Amino acid sequence: MATPQGGNAHDSGALPAINPVIGGKDVESRDRSELTALDGTPLASIGLAPRLLAQAALNRLRGGADTAAPTAELFAAAGELFATAELNGESPEEYRRRVVLATGTPGAAITRAIRGIHTQLGIIERINGAETPAPYETRGYRTVMVPRGRILAAIVPNNHPEPNVTWVRALAMGARVVVRPGSKDPFTPRRLVAALLAAGLDPDTVAFLPGGHDVGEHLLQQADLGLVYGGPDAAARFAHRGDVLVRGPGRSKVLVGPGAETDKELLDDLVQWISEDGGVRCNNISLVLTSGPVAALADALAERLADLPVRPVLDELATLPATSPAGGEALAGHLTGLTAGARDHSTHRYGGSVLADPGDGTTVLRPLVVSVDRADHALAGTELGFPFIVVAPWQPSDGTRPLRESLVVSLPGDHAGLAGAVLREPSVRKVVTGRVKPWAGVPETPHDGSLAQFLLEPKGLVTAEFEG
């Protein structure tokens, strides 16, 4: 049974219901899952789309009538609605609260993400245009950039709201998009869909389908193109599929020279690059390479990171992520085995555990700095959902090899001269020099390659005026 767009009616009482959205309408699903907050309290009742419903959504999008491409004004209006309006009975403040309590990402990070999404939707035409080659045109001939496929299946993550802008950008390039949200954050893509529909988007160009991995697999098999966020396993699995764009892992790195361990300004920068947004961003630094003393730098970073306050995750001053108490205990056990053989520079500063109790029923994850004796150590490149940092040695003879497989490589000082060589490494997506944040750039700067080059291809149009 379908409910009108924006409806949240469900027999779960006051518990908000999030349902699949097809054709601009909420579709009630009998298969439901209760999403709980980190402290165990219920947050929402999620209607899960079975494979049959997922296929129905794909069929509807594929069979929809061709319409004019959405305008830049539509996306700007949707961004404003997303950031400021009540959608599906949910205020921006309630949206923020739910995302924070479901994911453990600090409240300030979600506040910044809301602003970021608002800004990016307002300039979506500029962002896409910066990645789209200028068309060639002469008398009777021109190149036209057109979608490679009609439907994009987007499998979106939980760690941060802003990656959802990618599938919205695909809509602006003429694709039709079916979105399968992450299990912890269905709130962001659902709110974006509601904002886009309220701004006037054709309801047959987007569908929202919460569901399990089997639904995601089906969508990736049946859609023309796919967008997947994930770690090393996802990257390896889809590495040879030209129809699937994989975003992740980040494995962002920094290379510093001797004296970094006593450079207070540089240490402050490194702490920010490591811990901003709770360390959950793909471009947070997770590996620090140094041509100076390893242990001294690791101690200096651990000392400063230990000063980050333990606060309830909803607090706007919170800087560290949270998890459930059970999740924290599981992580602690995992860390024990993971870091065996590495030197721990942090845990003794906390009395023996990186887990902290902020008093709100959750568990805060404090930063963990470890050092290893070589740049190719198995821990180098490890990413976790909190500030986990490996410090390792680098020698000039190592060259760019330890910097490969990186979303961002930061070269803040002594080794900035390597920038050209690192930028030529195929597995490095971005290079930053100087005291600049790893995620710095204008919105038009490609974050991880070019979405436009994945979604679009050039075709030639020859008319009767052609004189060849």
Protein backbone atom coordinates (compact mmCIF):
# COMPACT_ATOMS: atom_id res chain seq x y z
CA MET A 1 0.00 0.00 0.00
CA ALA A 2 1.37 3.41 -0.91
CA THR A 3 1.13 6.48 1.28
CA PRO A 4 1.30 10.05 -0.06
CA GLN A 5 4.71 11.62 -0.49
CA GLY A 6 5.95 12.78 2.90
CA GLY A 7 3.77 10.30 4.77
CA ASN A 8 5.28 8.55 7.76
CA ALA A 9 2.27 6.56 8.89
CA HIS A 10 3.04 3.13 10.30
CA ASP A 11 1.59 0.91 12.99
CA SER A 12 4.78 1.24 15.05
CA GLY A 13 3.18 4.19 16.84
CA ALA A 14 5.41 7.19 17.45
CA LEU A 15 8.45 5.51 15.94
CA PRO A 16 9.20 7.30 12.64
CA ALA A 17 8.85 5.10 9.57
CA ILE A 18 11.23 5.24 6.63
CA ASN A 19 9.87 3.42 3.61
CA PRO A 20 11.02 2.75 0.05
CA VAL A 21 10.14 5.58 -2.34
CA ILE A 22 9.10 4.76 -5.90
CA GLY A 23 7.43 7.21 -8.25
CA GLY A 24 7.57 9.88 -5.58
CA LYS A 25 5.44 7.84 -3.16
CA ASP A 26 6.26 5.99 0.04
CA VAL A 27 5.66 2.26 -0.42
CA GLU A 28 4.79 0.30 2.71
CA SER A 29 6.91 -2.82 3.14
CA ARG A 30 5.99 -5.79 5.33
CA ASP A 31 9.67 -6.60 5.85
CA ARG A 32 10.86 -4.11 8.46
CA SER A 33 13.92 -3.50 10.57
CA GLU A 34 14.16 -1.35 13.68
CA LEU A 35 17.09 1.05 13.65
CA THR A 36 18.39 1.77 17.14
CA ALA A 37 20.58 4.56 18.46
CA LEU A 38 24.00 3.86 19.94
CA ASP A 39 22.47 3.87 23.42
CA GLY A 40 19.95 1.20 22.39
CA THR A 41 16.88 3.42 22.09
CA PRO A 42 14.76 3.04 18.92
CA LEU A 43 15.23 5.65 16.20
CA ALA A 44 13.14 4.52 13.24
CA SER A 45 11.27 1.64 11.63
CA ILE A 46 12.84 0.91 8.26
CA GLY A 47 10.81 -0.67 5.47
CA LEU A 48 13.13 -2.98 3.55
CA ALA A 49 12.68 -3.39 -0.19
CA PRO A 50 12.62 -7.03 -1.34
CA ARG A 51 14.20 -7.90 -4.67
CA LEU A 52 10.82 -7.87 -6.41
CA LEU A 53 10.20 -4.28 -5.32
CA ALA A 54 13.73 -3.30 -6.32
CA GLN A 55 13.11 -4.70 -9.79
CA ALA A 56 9.81 -2.83 -10.00
CA ALA A 57 11.63 0.39 -9.19
CA LEU A 58 14.23 -0.28 -11.89
CA ASN A 59 11.49 -1.03 -14.42
CA ARG A 60 9.67 2.18 -13.57
CA LEU A 61 12.79 4.31 -13.93
CA ARG A 62 13.76 2.59 -17.16
CA GLY A 63 10.28 2.99 -18.62
CA GLY A 64 9.74 6.59 -17.61
CA ALA A 65 9.13 9.17 -20.32
CA ASP A 66 12.06 11.34 -21.39
CA THR A 67 11.82 14.77 -19.83
CA ALA A 68 13.94 17.90 -19.82
CA ALA A 69 17.06 17.73 -17.66
CA PRO A 70 16.56 19.15 -14.15
CA THR A 71 17.60 22.78 -13.88
CA ALA A 72 20.30 24.26 -11.68
CA GLU A 73 17.54 26.21 -9.93
CA LEU A 74 15.80 22.95 -8.96
CA PHE A 75 18.93 21.62 -7.27
CA ALA A 76 19.55 24.93 -5.50
CA ALA A 77 15.99 24.88 -4.18
CA ALA A 78 16.43 21.27 -3.04
CA GLY A 79 19.61 22.21 -1.18
CA GLU A 80 17.78 24.98 0.64
CA LEU A 81 14.92 22.63 1.55
CA PHE A 82 17.34 19.95 2.74
CA ALA A 83 19.08 22.39 5.09
CA THR A 84 16.13 24.39 6.39
CA ALA A 85 12.73 22.77 5.80
CA GLU A 86 10.58 20.24 7.58
CA LEU A 87 10.45 17.19 5.28
CA ASN A 88 8.45 14.04 5.99
CA GLY A 89 7.61 15.55 9.37
CA GLU A 90 11.32 15.84 10.18
CA SER A 91 12.99 19.14 11.04
CA PRO A 92 16.66 19.80 10.23
CA GLU A 93 17.40 19.55 13.96
CA GLU A 94 15.72 16.16 14.25
CA TYR A 95 17.51 14.95 11.12
CA ARG A 96 20.86 15.93 12.65
CA ARG A 97 19.99 14.21 15.92
CA ARG A 98 19.04 10.95 14.22
CA VAL A 99 22.17 10.79 12.05
CA VAL A 100 24.45 11.52 15.00
CA LEU A 101 22.81 8.93 17.25
CA ALA A 102 22.70 6.28 14.54
CA THR A 103 26.23 6.67 13.17
CA GLY A 104 28.24 8.09 16.08
CA THR A 105 29.69 10.82 13.89
CA PRO A 106 30.13 13.94 16.08
CA GLY A 107 27.32 16.48 16.00
CA ALA A 108 29.54 19.30 14.74
CA ALA A 109 30.55 17.17 11.76
CA ILE A 110 26.92 16.62 10.79
CA THR A 111 26.20 20.33 11.17
CA ARG A 112 29.06 21.08 8.77
CA ALA A 113 27.84 18.37 6.40
CA ILE A 114 24.36 19.94 6.23
CA ARG A 115 25.96 23.25 5.25
CA GLY A 116 28.23 21.50 2.76
CA ILE A 117 25.34 19.70 1.03
CA HIS A 118 23.38 22.97 0.89
CA THR A 119 26.34 24.74 -0.76
CA GLN A 120 27.16 21.99 -3.24
CA LEU A 121 23.59 21.60 -4.48
CA GLY A 122 23.50 25.35 -5.02
CA ILE A 123 26.45 25.20 -7.44
CA ILE A 124 25.94 21.72 -8.86
CA GLU A 125 26.12 22.95 -12.45
CA ARG A 126 29.55 24.52 -11.78
CA ILE A 127 30.81 21.36 -10.07
CA ASN A 128 29.75 19.12 -12.93
CA GLY A 129 30.91 21.60 -15.55
CA ALA A 130 34.43 21.64 -14.14
CA GLU A 131 34.72 17.91 -14.85
CA THR A 132 33.08 17.93 -18.29
CA PRO A 133 35.28 18.50 -21.33
CA ALA A 134 34.41 21.54 -23.42
CA PRO A 135 32.52 20.34 -26.53
CA TYR A 136 34.17 20.72 -29.90
CA GLU A 137 32.08 22.53 -32.49
CA THR A 138 32.60 23.58 -36.07
CA ARG A 139 30.33 24.12 -39.07
CA GLY A 140 27.90 21.20 -39.18
CA TYR A 141 29.67 19.16 -36.52
CA ARG A 142 29.82 19.13 -32.74
CA THR A 143 30.50 16.71 -29.91
CA VAL A 144 27.81 16.09 -27.33
CA MET A 145 28.38 14.61 -23.87
CA VAL A 146 25.64 12.08 -23.15
CA PRO A 147 25.06 9.51 -20.37
CA ARG A 148 26.76 6.12 -20.84
CA GLY A 149 23.72 4.48 -19.30
CA ARG A 150 20.18 5.35 -18.33
CA ILE A 151 20.17 4.14 -14.72
CA LEU A 152 22.79 4.47 -11.97
CA ALA A 153 22.59 2.27 -8.86
CA ALA A 154 24.15 4.14 -5.92
CA ILE A 155 25.15 2.11 -2.85
CA VAL A 156 25.85 4.87 -0.34
CA PRO A 157 27.80 4.83 2.94
CA ASN A 158 27.13 5.59 6.60
CA ASN A 159 30.29 7.37 7.69
CA HIS A 160 29.44 10.89 6.47
CA PRO A 161 26.43 12.54 4.76
CA GLU A 162 28.30 14.46 2.05
CA PRO A 163 29.10 11.51 -0.27
CA ASN A 164 25.37 11.53 -1.08
CA VAL A 165 26.02 14.63 -3.19
CA THR A 166 27.62 12.33 -5.77
CA TRP A 167 24.39 10.58 -6.75
CA VAL A 168 22.57 13.93 -6.81
CA ARG A 169 25.21 15.17 -9.24
CA ALA A 170 24.43 12.14 -11.41
CA LEU A 171 20.80 13.28 -11.60
CA ALA A 172 22.03 16.67 -12.79
CA MET A 173 23.99 14.94 -15.57
CA GLY A 174 20.86 13.25 -16.87
CA ALA A 175 21.05 9.84 -15.17
CA ARG A 176 18.16 8.21 -13.35
CA VAL A 177 19.24 7.01 -9.93
CA VAL A 178 18.18 4.23 -7.61
CA VAL A 179 19.67 4.67 -4.13
CA ARG A 180 20.30 1.93 -1.60
CA PRO A 181 21.21 3.65 1.68
CA GLY A 182 23.59 2.41 4.34
CA SER A 183 22.01 0.52 7.22
CA LYS A 184 22.91 3.21 9.78
CA ASP A 185 22.08 6.31 7.78
CA PRO A 186 18.95 6.00 5.67
CA PHE A 187 18.09 9.50 6.90
CA THR A 188 20.37 11.52 4.60
CA PRO A 189 19.41 10.00 1.22
CA ARG A 190 15.73 9.88 2.22
CA ARG A 191 15.80 13.56 3.15
CA LEU A 192 17.58 14.42 -0.10
CA VAL A 193 15.00 12.51 -2.13
CA ALA A 194 12.21 14.35 -0.31
CA ALA A 195 13.90 17.72 -0.92
CA LEU A 196 14.43 16.99 -4.62
CA LEU A 197 10.83 15.88 -5.12
CA ALA A 198 9.52 18.92 -3.24
CA ALA A 199 11.67 21.12 -5.49
CA GLY A 200 10.02 19.61 -8.58
CA LEU A 201 12.18 16.66 -9.64
CA ASP A 202 10.41 14.20 -11.94
CA PRO A 203 9.42 11.35 -9.56
CA ASP A 204 10.33 8.77 -12.19
CA THR A 205 14.01 9.74 -12.12
CA VAL A 206 14.88 8.64 -8.57
CA ALA A 207 14.00 5.76 -6.26
CA PHE A 208 15.00 5.10 -2.65
CA LEU A 209 15.34 1.46 -1.64
CA PRO A 210 16.52 0.49 1.85
CA GLY A 211 17.55 -3.15 1.90
CA GLY A 212 20.22 -5.73 2.53
CA HIS A 213 23.31 -6.64 0.56
CA ASP A 214 21.26 -8.87 -1.73
CA VAL A 215 19.21 -5.88 -2.88
CA GLY A 216 22.39 -3.88 -3.48
CA GLU A 217 23.82 -6.75 -5.53
CA HIS A 218 20.65 -6.99 -7.60
CA LEU A 219 20.66 -3.27 -8.31
CA LEU A 220 24.31 -3.37 -9.40
CA GLN A 221 23.57 -6.29 -11.72
CA GLN A 222 20.48 -4.77 -13.32
CA ALA A 223 21.34 -1.07 -13.53
CA ASP A 224 23.47 0.29 -16.37
CA LEU A 225 26.10 1.79 -14.07
CA GLY A 226 26.96 1.47 -10.39
CA LEU A 227 28.45 3.64 -7.65
CA VAL A 228 29.79 1.83 -4.58
CA TYR A 229 31.38 3.15 -1.39
CA GLY A 230 33.47 0.69 0.57
CA GLY A 231 36.79 -0.47 1.93
CA PRO A 232 39.53 -2.65 0.47
CA ASP A 233 37.21 -5.63 -0.11
CA ALA A 234 34.80 -3.57 -2.23
CA ALA A 235 37.68 -1.99 -4.14
CA ALA A 236 39.14 -5.42 -4.95
CA ARG A 237 35.78 -6.91 -5.84
CA PHE A 238 34.81 -4.29 -8.39
CA ALA A 239 38.29 -3.37 -9.62
CA HIS A 240 37.74 -5.00 -13.02
CA ARG A 241 34.17 -3.82 -13.60
CA GLY A 242 34.20 -0.82 -15.88
CA ASP A 243 30.51 -0.19 -15.17
CA VAL A 244 31.03 0.29 -11.41
CA LEU A 245 32.76 3.30 -9.85
CA VAL A 246 34.25 2.49 -6.43
CA ARG A 247 34.84 5.30 -3.95
CA GLY A 248 37.13 4.23 -1.12
CA PRO A 249 39.18 3.39 0.77
CA GLY A 250 40.93 6.69 1.55
CA ARG A 251 44.31 5.69 3.03
CA SER A 252 45.33 9.35 3.13
CA LYS A 253 48.95 9.94 4.08
CA VAL A 254 51.35 12.70 5.12
CA LEU A 255 55.13 12.82 4.75
CA VAL A 256 57.07 15.10 7.11
CA GLY A 257 60.74 15.76 7.69
CA PRO A 258 63.08 15.89 10.70
CA GLY A 259 61.98 18.31 13.39
CA ALA A 260 58.27 17.66 12.98
CA GLU A 261 58.15 16.26 16.51
CA THR A 262 59.05 19.72 17.94
CA ASP A 263 57.23 21.95 15.43
CA LYS A 264 54.19 23.01 17.45
CA GLU A 265 52.33 24.55 14.52
CA LEU A 266 52.85 21.53 12.32
CA LEU A 267 51.79 19.20 15.14
CA ASP A 268 48.60 21.22 15.59
CA ASP A 269 47.91 20.91 11.86
CA LEU A 270 48.52 17.16 11.92
CA VAL A 271 46.13 16.73 14.85
CA GLN A 272 43.41 18.55 12.89
CA TRP A 273 44.07 16.56 9.71
CA ILE A 274 43.85 13.35 11.70
CA SER A 275 40.83 14.09 13.90
CA GLU A 276 38.54 16.52 12.01
CA ASP A 277 34.96 15.17 11.92
CA GLY A 278 35.99 12.45 14.35
CA GLY A 279 38.47 10.89 11.93
CA VAL A 280 35.65 9.29 9.89
CA ARG A 281 36.36 11.11 6.62
CA CYS A 282 38.13 9.26 3.82
CA ASN A 283 40.61 12.13 3.59
CA ASN A 284 41.58 12.15 7.28
CA ILE A 285 45.26 11.25 7.64
CA SER A 286 45.76 7.67 8.84
CA LEU A 287 49.47 7.15 8.00
CA VAL A 288 52.23 9.57 9.02
CA LEU A 289 55.58 8.94 7.33
CA THR A 290 58.66 10.74 8.61
CA SER A 291 62.32 11.04 7.69
CA GLY A 292 62.93 12.06 11.31
CA PRO A 293 62.67 10.09 14.57
CA VAL A 294 59.56 7.90 14.49
CA ALA A 295 58.96 7.34 18.21
CA ALA A 296 59.40 11.00 19.12
CA LEU A 297 56.86 12.09 16.51
CA ALA A 298 54.40 9.38 17.55
CA ASP A 299 54.71 10.47 21.20
CA ALA A 300 54.15 14.12 20.30
CA LEU A 301 51.03 13.30 18.27
CA ALA A 302 49.66 10.97 20.95
CA GLU A 303 50.13 13.64 23.60
CA ARG A 304 48.18 16.25 21.66
CA LEU A 305 45.47 13.89 20.49
CA ALA A 306 44.94 12.76 24.08
CA ASP A 307 43.84 16.31 24.89
CA LEU A 308 40.77 16.03 22.65
CA PRO A 309 37.78 16.19 24.99
CA VAL A 310 35.39 13.31 25.71
CA ARG A 311 31.89 14.74 25.18
CA PRO A 312 28.45 13.34 24.36
CA VAL A 313 28.31 12.83 20.63
CA LEU A 314 25.37 15.23 20.16
CA ASP A 315 27.38 18.07 21.71
CA GLU A 316 28.41 20.68 19.13
CA LEU A 317 31.83 20.72 20.85
CA ALA A 318 32.26 16.94 20.46
CA THR A 319 35.28 16.07 18.31
CA LEU A 320 35.44 12.29 18.73
CA PRO A 321 33.12 9.61 17.32
CA ALA A 322 31.03 7.24 19.41
CA THR A 323 29.76 3.71 19.18
CA SER A 324 27.55 1.46 21.27
CA PRO A 325 29.07 -0.04 24.44
CA ALA A 326 29.02 -3.49 22.81
CA GLY A 327 30.60 -2.08 19.66
CA GLY A 328 33.31 -0.47 21.75
CA GLU A 329 34.17 -3.71 23.49
CA ALA A 330 34.31 -5.53 20.16
CA LEU A 331 36.61 -2.86 18.75
CA ALA A 332 38.91 -3.03 21.77
CA GLY A 333 39.31 -6.76 21.24
CA HIS A 334 39.98 -6.25 17.55
CA LEU A 335 42.63 -3.61 18.28
CA THR A 336 44.49 -5.94 20.62
CA GLY A 337 45.15 -8.39 17.82
CA LEU A 338 45.53 -5.78 15.08
CA THR A 339 48.30 -3.82 16.80
CA ALA A 340 50.26 -6.78 18.16
CA GLY A 341 53.92 -6.10 17.40
CA ALA A 342 53.44 -2.33 16.99
CA ARG A 343 54.34 0.20 19.68
CA ASP A 344 51.32 1.81 21.35
CA HIS A 345 51.87 5.49 22.21
CA SER A 346 48.35 6.33 23.42
CA THR A 347 46.60 3.77 25.60
CA HIS A 348 48.67 4.40 28.75
CA ARG A 349 47.58 8.04 28.58
CA TYR A 350 43.96 6.94 29.05
CA GLY A 351 44.51 4.53 31.89
CA GLY A 352 44.62 1.43 29.69
CA SER A 353 41.77 1.77 27.18
CA VAL A 354 40.85 3.97 24.23
CA LEU A 355 37.18 3.56 25.24
CA ALA A 356 35.61 6.38 27.25
CA ASP A 357 32.20 6.92 28.83
CA PRO A 358 30.71 10.36 28.08
CA GLY A 359 27.71 9.67 30.33
CA ASP A 360 25.04 9.42 27.61
CA GLY A 361 24.86 5.66 27.19
CA THR A 362 27.39 5.56 24.32
CA THR A 363 31.11 4.83 24.17
CA VAL A 364 33.52 7.44 22.81
CA LEU A 365 36.56 6.26 20.85
CA ARG A 366 39.73 8.13 21.81
CA PRO A 367 42.65 8.44 19.35
CA LEU A 368 45.18 5.65 19.07
CA VAL A 369 48.71 6.30 17.77
CA VAL A 370 51.01 3.36 17.05
CA SER A 371 54.45 3.25 15.47
CA VAL A 372 56.05 0.61 13.28
CA ASP A 373 59.59 0.02 12.07
CA ARG A 374 59.12 0.14 8.31
CA ALA A 375 56.96 1.91 5.75
CA ASP A 376 55.63 -1.30 4.24
CA HIS A 377 54.43 -2.70 7.57
CA ALA A 378 51.08 -4.50 7.40
CA LEU A 379 49.46 -1.79 9.57
CA ALA A 380 50.42 1.00 7.17
CA GLY A 381 47.26 2.05 5.34
CA THR A 382 44.87 0.63 7.94
CA GLU A 383 41.74 2.74 8.33
CA LEU A 384 39.27 2.54 11.20
CA GLY A 385 36.20 4.58 12.08
CA PHE A 386 37.99 6.79 14.60
CA PRO A 387 41.39 8.56 14.77
CA PHE A 388 43.75 5.58 14.32
CA ILE A 389 47.21 6.66 13.22
CA VAL A 390 50.26 4.69 12.19
CA VAL A 391 53.64 6.47 12.27
CA ALA A 392 56.36 4.88 10.12
CA PRO A 393 59.85 5.72 8.85
CA TRP A 394 60.57 7.00 5.34
CA GLN A 395 63.94 7.20 3.61
CA PRO A 396 64.76 8.97 0.34
CA SER A 397 65.52 5.57 -1.16
CA ASP A 398 61.86 4.63 -0.56
CA GLY A 399 60.79 7.26 -3.09
CA THR A 400 57.05 7.46 -3.76
CA ARG A 401 56.41 3.76 -3.16
CA PRO A 402 55.03 4.13 0.42
CA LEU A 403 52.74 6.95 -0.78
CA ARG A 404 50.86 4.91 -3.34
CA GLU A 405 47.24 3.78 -2.96
CA SER A 406 46.18 7.11 -1.43
CA LEU A 407 43.18 9.36 -1.84
CA VAL A 408 45.30 12.28 -0.59
CA VAL A 409 49.03 12.69 -0.02
CA SER A 410 50.03 15.74 2.05
CA LEU A 411 53.57 17.13 1.73
CA PRO A 412 53.59 20.04 4.17
CA GLY A 413 57.30 20.89 4.25
CA ASP A 414 60.65 19.27 3.61
CA HIS A 415 59.47 16.87 0.93
CA ALA A 416 57.18 19.15 -1.11
CA GLY A 417 59.55 18.66 -4.05
CA LEU A 418 58.10 15.15 -4.45
CA ALA A 419 54.70 16.58 -5.42
CA GLY A 420 55.14 16.10 -9.16
CA ALA A 421 56.33 12.53 -8.86
CA VAL A 422 53.53 11.63 -6.42
CA LEU A 423 50.91 13.24 -8.63
CA ARG A 424 52.03 11.03 -11.50
CA GLU A 425 51.39 7.91 -9.43
CA PRO A 426 48.19 6.34 -10.89
CA SER A 427 46.95 5.20 -7.46
CA VAL A 428 47.19 8.70 -5.89
CA ARG A 429 44.12 10.87 -6.43
CA LYS A 430 45.23 14.21 -4.99
CA VAL A 431 48.39 15.91 -3.69
CA VAL A 432 48.46 18.77 -1.18
CA THR A 433 51.56 20.81 -0.36
CA GLY A 434 52.16 23.35 2.38
CA ARG A 435 50.10 23.72 5.52
CA VAL A 436 46.83 23.02 3.75
CA LYS A 437 44.09 20.67 4.94
CA PRO A 438 43.97 17.40 2.97
CA TRP A 439 40.36 18.08 1.98
CA ALA A 440 41.02 21.68 0.90
CA GLY A 441 39.93 22.84 -2.53
CA VAL A 442 37.16 24.63 -4.33
CA PRO A 443 34.00 22.56 -4.77
CA GLU A 444 34.80 22.18 -8.46
CA THR A 445 38.08 20.38 -7.67
CA PRO A 446 37.73 16.63 -8.35
CA HIS A 447 37.66 14.79 -5.02
CA ASP A 448 38.35 11.29 -6.28
CA GLY A 449 38.73 11.32 -10.02
CA SER A 450 36.02 12.55 -12.37
CA LEU A 451 32.41 11.49 -11.93
CA ALA A 452 31.57 13.11 -15.27
CA GLN A 453 34.09 10.98 -17.15
CA PHE A 454 32.51 7.87 -15.64
CA LEU A 455 28.89 8.84 -16.32
CA LEU A 456 29.24 10.60 -19.66
CA GLU A 457 30.75 9.84 -23.06
CA PRO A 458 31.22 12.02 -26.15
CA LYS A 459 29.18 11.41 -29.29
CA GLY A 460 29.32 13.23 -32.58
CA LEU A 461 26.44 15.09 -34.20
CA VAL A 462 26.82 15.88 -37.92
CA THR A 463 24.22 18.08 -39.61
CA ALA A 464 23.47 19.09 -43.18
CA GLU A 465 25.71 22.16 -42.86
CA PHE A 466 28.78 19.94 -42.56
CA GLU A 467 31.43 20.60 -45.22
CA GLY A 468 33.93 17.76 -44.81
